[in-house]
Amino acid sequence: MSSPKYKLAEKAVMEQQRVVAELQSLVKSIERSEKTINDLKKELEAVQNKYPVRKTTQEEITYLADLLKCANKKLGWEKQLASLQKRMPEILDQLTSVMNDPTNPPSDEMRGEMLRALQGVKVAIERLENVKAE
Protein backbone atom coordinates (compact mmCIF):
# COMPACT_ATOMS: atom_id res chain seq x y z
CA MET A 1 0.00 0.00 0.00
CA SER A 2 1.32 3.46 -0.90
CA SER A 3 1.76 6.11 1.69
CA PRO A 4 -0.12 9.42 1.39
CA LYS A 5 3.21 11.23 0.99
CA TYR A 6 4.16 8.97 -1.94
CA LYS A 7 0.76 9.55 -3.56
CA LEU A 8 1.19 13.32 -3.27
CA ALA A 9 4.65 13.09 -4.81
CA GLU A 10 3.29 10.95 -7.64
CA LYS A 11 0.48 13.44 -8.22
CA ALA A 12 3.01 16.31 -8.30
CA VAL A 13 5.08 14.49 -10.95
CA MET A 14 1.96 13.94 -13.06
CA GLU A 15 1.13 17.65 -12.75
CA GLN A 16 4.66 18.57 -13.81
CA GLN A 17 4.38 16.31 -16.84
CA ARG A 18 1.01 17.81 -17.68
CA VAL A 19 2.48 21.34 -17.59
CA VAL A 20 5.31 20.28 -19.93
CA ALA A 21 2.72 18.75 -22.28
CA GLU A 22 0.69 21.98 -22.16
CA LEU A 23 3.78 24.01 -23.06
CA GLN A 24 4.52 21.66 -25.96
CA SER A 25 0.91 21.94 -27.10
CA LEU A 26 1.20 25.71 -26.94
CA VAL A 27 4.26 25.57 -29.21
CA LYS A 28 2.32 23.49 -31.75
CA SER A 29 -0.58 25.95 -31.63
CA ILE A 30 1.75 28.88 -32.21
CA GLU A 31 3.37 27.04 -35.12
CA ARG A 32 -0.08 26.38 -36.64
CA SER A 33 -0.89 30.06 -36.26
CA GLU A 34 2.38 30.96 -37.98
CA LYS A 35 1.58 28.57 -40.85
CA THR A 36 -1.93 29.99 -41.15
CA ILE A 37 -0.73 33.58 -41.50
CA ASN A 38 1.99 32.58 -43.98
CA ASP A 39 -0.57 30.70 -46.09
CA LEU A 40 -2.93 33.66 -45.88
CA LYS A 41 -0.23 36.06 -47.07
CA LYS A 42 0.49 33.80 -50.05
CA GLU A 43 -3.21 33.54 -50.84
CA LEU A 44 -3.66 37.31 -50.66
CA GLU A 45 -0.66 37.84 -52.92
CA ALA A 46 -2.11 35.32 -55.41
CA VAL A 47 -5.42 37.22 -55.42
CA GLN A 48 -3.60 40.49 -56.06
CA ASN A 49 -1.62 38.91 -58.90
CA LYS A 50 -4.68 37.22 -60.38
CA TYR A 51 -6.56 40.52 -60.63
CA PRO A 52 -3.95 43.24 -61.25
CA VAL A 53 -6.46 45.21 -63.34
CA ARG A 54 -10.17 44.66 -63.05
CA LYS A 55 -11.84 45.69 -66.30
CA THR A 56 -15.39 44.48 -65.76
CA THR A 57 -17.88 44.51 -62.94
CA GLN A 58 -17.74 40.70 -62.85
CA GLU A 59 -13.96 40.78 -62.38
CA GLU A 60 -14.41 43.34 -59.60
CA ILE A 61 -17.01 41.14 -57.88
CA THR A 62 -14.80 38.04 -58.17
CA TYR A 63 -11.81 39.98 -56.83
CA LEU A 64 -13.82 41.30 -53.87
CA ALA A 65 -15.23 37.82 -53.17
CA ASP A 66 -11.70 36.42 -53.05
CA LEU A 67 -10.63 39.26 -50.76
CA LEU A 68 -13.58 38.48 -48.50
CA LYS A 69 -12.46 34.84 -48.26
CA CYS A 70 -9.02 36.06 -47.19
CA ALA A 71 -10.58 38.43 -44.65
CA ASN A 72 -12.63 35.58 -43.15
CA LYS A 73 -9.48 33.46 -42.84
CA LYS A 74 -7.69 36.36 -41.18
CA LEU A 75 -10.55 36.68 -38.71
CA GLY A 76 -10.15 33.00 -37.86
CA TRP A 77 -6.42 33.55 -37.39
CA GLU A 78 -7.08 36.50 -35.08
CA LYS A 79 -9.38 34.28 -33.00
CA GLN A 80 -6.58 31.69 -32.83
CA LEU A 81 -4.23 34.39 -31.52
CA ALA A 82 -6.75 35.57 -28.95
CA SER A 83 -7.09 31.99 -27.71
CA LEU A 84 -3.31 31.64 -27.46
CA GLN A 85 -3.04 34.92 -25.58
CA LYS A 86 -5.63 33.66 -23.11
CA ARG A 87 -4.01 30.23 -22.65
CA MET A 88 -0.45 31.44 -22.20
CA PRO A 89 -0.77 33.19 -18.80
CA GLU A 90 -2.71 30.23 -17.40
CA ILE A 91 -0.02 27.78 -18.46
CA LEU A 92 2.76 30.03 -17.17
CA ASP A 93 0.98 30.32 -13.82
CA GLN A 94 0.78 26.53 -13.65
CA LEU A 95 4.47 26.30 -14.51
CA THR A 96 5.37 28.76 -11.77
CA SER A 97 3.25 26.83 -9.31
CA VAL A 98 4.91 23.46 -9.97
CA MET A 99 8.40 24.98 -10.13
CA ASN A 100 7.93 26.64 -6.73
CA ASP A 101 6.24 23.69 -5.01
CA PRO A 102 8.08 23.46 -1.68
CA THR A 103 6.70 20.02 -0.86
CA ASN A 104 7.37 18.26 -4.17
CA PRO A 105 9.80 20.31 -6.26
CA PRO A 106 10.53 19.04 -9.76
CA SER A 107 13.64 16.94 -10.28
CA ASP A 108 16.58 18.42 -12.18
CA GLU A 109 15.57 16.35 -15.20
CA MET A 110 12.01 17.69 -15.06
CA ARG A 111 13.30 21.24 -14.63
CA GLY A 112 15.34 20.72 -17.78
CA GLU A 113 12.26 19.50 -19.67
CA MET A 114 10.30 22.51 -18.47
CA LEU A 115 13.07 24.87 -19.52
CA ARG A 116 13.31 23.30 -22.99
CA ALA A 117 9.54 23.51 -23.41
CA LEU A 118 9.55 27.13 -22.27
CA GLN A 119 12.38 27.94 -24.69
CA GLY A 120 10.35 26.29 -27.46
CA VAL A 121 7.46 28.62 -26.65
CA LYS A 122 9.80 31.63 -26.73
CA VAL A 123 11.26 30.68 -30.13
CA ALA A 124 7.81 30.01 -31.60
CA ILE A 125 6.51 33.37 -30.35
CA GLU A 126 9.52 35.17 -31.83
CA ARG A 127 8.94 33.50 -35.22
CA LEU A 128 5.26 34.44 -35.09
CA GLU A 129 6.11 38.04 -34.20
CA ASN A 130 8.51 38.18 -37.17
CA VAL A 131 5.81 36.89 -39.51
CA LYS A 132 3.28 39.40 -38.17
CA ALA A 133 5.78 42.25 -38.65
CA GLU A 134 6.34 41.45 -42.35
C-alpha atoms as a PDB file:
ATOM      1  CA  MET A   1       0.000   0.000   0.000  1.00  0.00           C
ATOM      2  CA  SER A   2       1.316   3.461  -0.903  1.00  0.00           C
ATOM      3  CA  SER A   3       1.759   6.113   1.687  1.00  0.00           C
ATOM      4  CA  PRO A   4      -0.117   9.424   1.387  1.00  0.00           C
ATOM      5  CA  LYS A   5       3.211  11.226   0.990  1.00  0.00           C
ATOM      6  CA  TYR A   6       4.156   8.975  -1.942  1.00  0.00           C
ATOM      7  CA  LYS A   7       0.757   9.548  -3.563  1.00  0.00           C
ATOM      8  CA  LEU A   8       1.191  13.317  -3.266  1.00  0.00           C
ATOM      9  CA  ALA A   9       4.655  13.091  -4.810  1.00  0.00           C
ATOM     10  CA  GLU A  10       3.291  10.946  -7.641  1.00  0.00           C
ATOM     11  CA  LYS A  11       0.485  13.439  -8.218  1.00  0.00           C
ATOM     12  CA  ALA A  12       3.013  16.307  -8.300  1.00  0.00           C
ATOM     13  CA  VAL A  13       5.083  14.490 -10.951  1.00  0.00           C
ATOM     14  CA  MET A  14       1.965  13.945 -13.057  1.00  0.00           C
ATOM     15  CA  GLU A  15       1.125  17.650 -12.753  1.00  0.00           C
ATOM     16  CA  GLN A  16       4.660  18.572 -13.806  1.00  0.00           C
ATOM     17  CA  GLN A  17       4.385  16.306 -16.839  1.00  0.00           C
ATOM     18  CA  ARG A  18       1.011  17.814 -17.685  1.00  0.00           C
ATOM     19  CA  VAL A  19       2.481  21.341 -17.595  1.00  0.00           C
ATOM     20  CA  VAL A  20       5.305  20.282 -19.935  1.00  0.00           C
ATOM     21  CA  ALA A  21       2.719  18.749 -22.285  1.00  0.00           C
ATOM     22  CA  GLU A  22       0.688  21.984 -22.157  1.00  0.00           C
ATOM     23  CA  LEU A  23       3.783  24.012 -23.059  1.00  0.00           C
ATOM     24  CA  GLN A  24       4.524  21.664 -25.963  1.00  0.00           C
ATOM     25  CA  SER A  25       0.908  21.937 -27.100  1.00  0.00           C
ATOM     26  CA  LEU A  26       1.203  25.714 -26.939  1.00  0.00           C
ATOM     27  CA  VAL A  27       4.263  25.568 -29.211  1.00  0.00           C
ATOM     28  CA  LYS A  28       2.317  23.491 -31.751  1.00  0.00           C
ATOM     29  CA  SER A  29      -0.585  25.946 -31.633  1.00  0.00           C
ATOM     30  CA  ILE A  30       1.751  28.883 -32.207  1.00  0.00           C
ATOM     31  CA  GLU A  31       3.373  27.042 -35.118  1.00  0.00           C
ATOM     32  CA  ARG A  32      -0.077  26.381 -36.637  1.00  0.00           C
ATOM     33  CA  SER A  33      -0.888  30.059 -36.264  1.00  0.00           C
ATOM     34  CA  GLU A  34       2.376  30.959 -37.982  1.00  0.00           C
ATOM     35  CA  LYS A  35       1.583  28.572 -40.855  1.00  0.00           C
ATOM     36  CA  THR A  36      -1.929  29.994 -41.152  1.00  0.00           C
ATOM     37  CA  ILE A  37      -0.732  33.585 -41.500  1.00  0.00           C
ATOM     38  CA  ASN A  38       1.988  32.576 -43.978  1.00  0.00           C
ATOM     39  CA  ASP A  39      -0.572  30.704 -46.091  1.00  0.00           C
ATOM     40  CA  LEU A  40      -2.932  33.658 -45.882  1.00  0.00           C
ATOM     41  CA  LYS A  41      -0.231  36.060 -47.067  1.00  0.00           C
ATOM     42  CA  LYS A  42       0.486  33.801 -50.046  1.00  0.00           C
ATOM     43  CA  GLU A  43      -3.214  33.544 -50.841  1.00  0.00           C
ATOM     44  CA  LEU A  44      -3.662  37.315 -50.664  1.00  0.00           C
ATOM     45  CA  GLU A  45      -0.659  37.835 -52.923  1.00  0.00           C
ATOM     46  CA  ALA A  46      -2.110  35.320 -55.408  1.00  0.00           C
ATOM     47  CA  VAL A  47      -5.423  37.219 -55.416  1.00  0.00           C
ATOM     48  CA  GLN A  48      -3.597  40.485 -56.056  1.00  0.00           C
ATOM     49  CA  ASN A  49      -1.617  38.908 -58.904  1.00  0.00           C
ATOM     50  CA  LYS A  50      -4.684  37.218 -60.377  1.00  0.00           C
ATOM     51  CA  TYR A  51      -6.562  40.525 -60.634  1.00  0.00           C
ATOM     52  CA  PRO A  52      -3.949  43.244 -61.252  1.00  0.00           C
ATOM     53  CA  VAL A  53      -6.458  45.210 -63.339  1.00  0.00           C
ATOM     54  CA  ARG A  54     -10.171  44.659 -63.055  1.00  0.00           C
ATOM     55  CA  LYS A  55     -11.845  45.692 -66.297  1.00  0.00           C
ATOM     56  CA  THR A  56     -15.393  44.477 -65.757  1.00  0.00           C
ATOM     57  CA  THR A  57     -17.877  44.515 -62.945  1.00  0.00           C
ATOM     58  CA  GLN A  58     -17.745  40.703 -62.848  1.00  0.00           C
ATOM     59  CA  GLU A  59     -13.958  40.776 -62.380  1.00  0.00           C
ATOM     60  CA  GLU A  60     -14.415  43.338 -59.602  1.00  0.00           C
ATOM     61  CA  ILE A  61     -17.013  41.136 -57.882  1.00  0.00           C
ATOM     62  CA  THR A  62     -14.801  38.040 -58.170  1.00  0.00           C
ATOM     63  CA  TYR A  63     -11.807  39.985 -56.829  1.00  0.00           C
ATOM     64  CA  LEU A  64     -13.820  41.296 -53.874  1.00  0.00           C
ATOM     65  CA  ALA A  65     -15.235  37.820 -53.167  1.00  0.00           C
ATOM     66  CA  ASP A  66     -11.700  36.415 -53.051  1.00  0.00           C
ATOM     67  CA  LEU A  67     -10.630  39.259 -50.756  1.00  0.00           C
ATOM     68  CA  LEU A  68     -13.577  38.485 -48.501  1.00  0.00           C
ATOM     69  CA  LYS A  69     -12.461  34.840 -48.257  1.00  0.00           C
ATOM     70  CA  CYS A  70      -9.023  36.064 -47.186  1.00  0.00           C
ATOM     71  CA  ALA A  71     -10.583  38.434 -44.645  1.00  0.00           C
ATOM     72  CA  ASN A  72     -12.626  35.581 -43.155  1.00  0.00           C
ATOM     73  CA  LYS A  73      -9.482  33.456 -42.839  1.00  0.00           C
ATOM     74  CA  LYS A  74      -7.688  36.361 -41.184  1.00  0.00           C
ATOM     75  CA  LEU A  75     -10.549  36.679 -38.713  1.00  0.00           C
ATOM     76  CA  GLY A  76     -10.146  32.997 -37.865  1.00  0.00           C
ATOM     77  CA  TRP A  77      -6.421  33.546 -37.393  1.00  0.00           C
ATOM     78  CA  GLU A  78      -7.080  36.500 -35.080  1.00  0.00           C
ATOM     79  CA  LYS A  79      -9.380  34.281 -33.003  1.00  0.00           C
ATOM     80  CA  GLN A  80      -6.581  31.693 -32.834  1.00  0.00           C
ATOM     81  CA  LEU A  81      -4.226  34.387 -31.524  1.00  0.00           C
ATOM     82  CA  ALA A  82      -6.749  35.566 -28.948  1.00  0.00           C
ATOM     83  CA  SER A  83      -7.094  31.986 -27.707  1.00  0.00           C
ATOM     84  CA  LEU A  84      -3.312  31.642 -27.461  1.00  0.00           C
ATOM     85  CA  GLN A  85      -3.037  34.918 -25.579  1.00  0.00           C
ATOM     86  CA  LYS A  86      -5.630  33.661 -23.115  1.00  0.00           C
ATOM     87  CA  ARG A  87      -4.010  30.227 -22.645  1.00  0.00           C
ATOM     88  CA  MET A  88      -0.449  31.437 -22.200  1.00  0.00           C
ATOM     89  CA  PRO A  89      -0.769  33.188 -18.804  1.00  0.00           C
ATOM     90  CA  GLU A  90      -2.710  30.232 -17.403  1.00  0.00           C
ATOM     91  CA  ILE A  91      -0.018  27.780 -18.457  1.00  0.00           C
ATOM     92  CA  LEU A  92       2.764  30.031 -17.172  1.00  0.00           C
ATOM     93  CA  ASP A  93       0.981  30.319 -13.818  1.00  0.00           C
ATOM     94  CA  GLN A  94       0.779  26.530 -13.646  1.00  0.00           C
ATOM     95  CA  LEU A  95       4.474  26.298 -14.513  1.00  0.00           C
ATOM     96  CA  THR A  96       5.366  28.758 -11.773  1.00  0.00           C
ATOM     97  CA  SER A  97       3.250  26.830  -9.313  1.00  0.00           C
ATOM     98  CA  VAL A  98       4.909  23.464  -9.971  1.00  0.00           C
ATOM     99  CA  MET A  99       8.397  24.980 -10.127  1.00  0.00           C
ATOM    100  CA  ASN A 100       7.926  26.639  -6.729  1.00  0.00           C
ATOM    101  CA  ASP A 101       6.235  23.695  -5.013  1.00  0.00           C
ATOM    102  CA  PRO A 102       8.085  23.456  -1.685  1.00  0.00           C
ATOM    103  CA  THR A 103       6.701  20.020  -0.861  1.00  0.00           C
ATOM    104  CA  ASN A 104       7.367  18.256  -4.174  1.00  0.00           C
ATOM    105  CA  PRO A 105       9.798  20.312  -6.258  1.00  0.00           C
ATOM    106  CA  PRO A 106      10.534  19.041  -9.759  1.00  0.00           C
ATOM    107  CA  SER A 107      13.642  16.940 -10.283  1.00  0.00           C
ATOM    108  CA  ASP A 108      16.578  18.417 -12.181  1.00  0.00           C
ATOM    109  CA  GLU A 109      15.575  16.347 -15.204  1.00  0.00           C
ATOM    110  CA  MET A 110      12.010  17.688 -15.055  1.00  0.00           C
ATOM    111  CA  ARG A 111      13.300  21.239 -14.627  1.00  0.00           C
ATOM    112  CA  GLY A 112      15.344  20.719 -17.784  1.00  0.00           C
ATOM    113  CA  GLU A 113      12.263  19.496 -19.674  1.00  0.00           C
ATOM    114  CA  MET A 114      10.295  22.508 -18.469  1.00  0.00           C
ATOM    115  CA  LEU A 115      13.071  24.870 -19.517  1.00  0.00           C
ATOM    116  CA  ARG A 116      13.312  23.302 -22.987  1.00  0.00           C
ATOM    117  CA  ALA A 117       9.544  23.508 -23.412  1.00  0.00           C
ATOM    118  CA  LEU A 118       9.552  27.132 -22.274  1.00  0.00           C
ATOM    119  CA  GLN A 119      12.385  27.944 -24.687  1.00  0.00           C
ATOM    120  CA  GLY A 120      10.351  26.290 -27.460  1.00  0.00           C
ATOM    121  CA  VAL A 121       7.462  28.624 -26.650  1.00  0.00           C
ATOM    122  CA  LYS A 122       9.798  31.634 -26.729  1.00  0.00           C
ATOM    123  CA  VAL A 123      11.264  30.683 -30.131  1.00  0.00           C
ATOM    124  CA  ALA A 124       7.806  30.006 -31.600  1.00  0.00           C
ATOM    125  CA  ILE A 125       6.511  33.369 -30.352  1.00  0.00           C
ATOM    126  CA  GLU A 126       9.523  35.167 -31.830  1.00  0.00           C
ATOM    127  CA  ARG A 127       8.940  33.504 -35.218  1.00  0.00           C
ATOM    128  CA  LEU A 128       5.259  34.437 -35.087  1.00  0.00           C
ATOM    129  CA  GLU A 129       6.109  38.041 -34.204  1.00  0.00           C
ATOM    130  CA  ASN A 130       8.505  38.185 -37.170  1.00  0.00           C
ATOM    131  CA  VAL A 131       5.806  36.888 -39.506  1.00  0.00           C
ATOM    132  CA  LYS A 132       3.282  39.401 -38.174  1.00  0.00           C
ATOM    133  CA  ALA A 133       5.784  42.249 -38.649  1.00  0.00           C
ATOM    134  CA  GLU A 134       6.340  41.455 -42.348  1.00  0.00           C
END
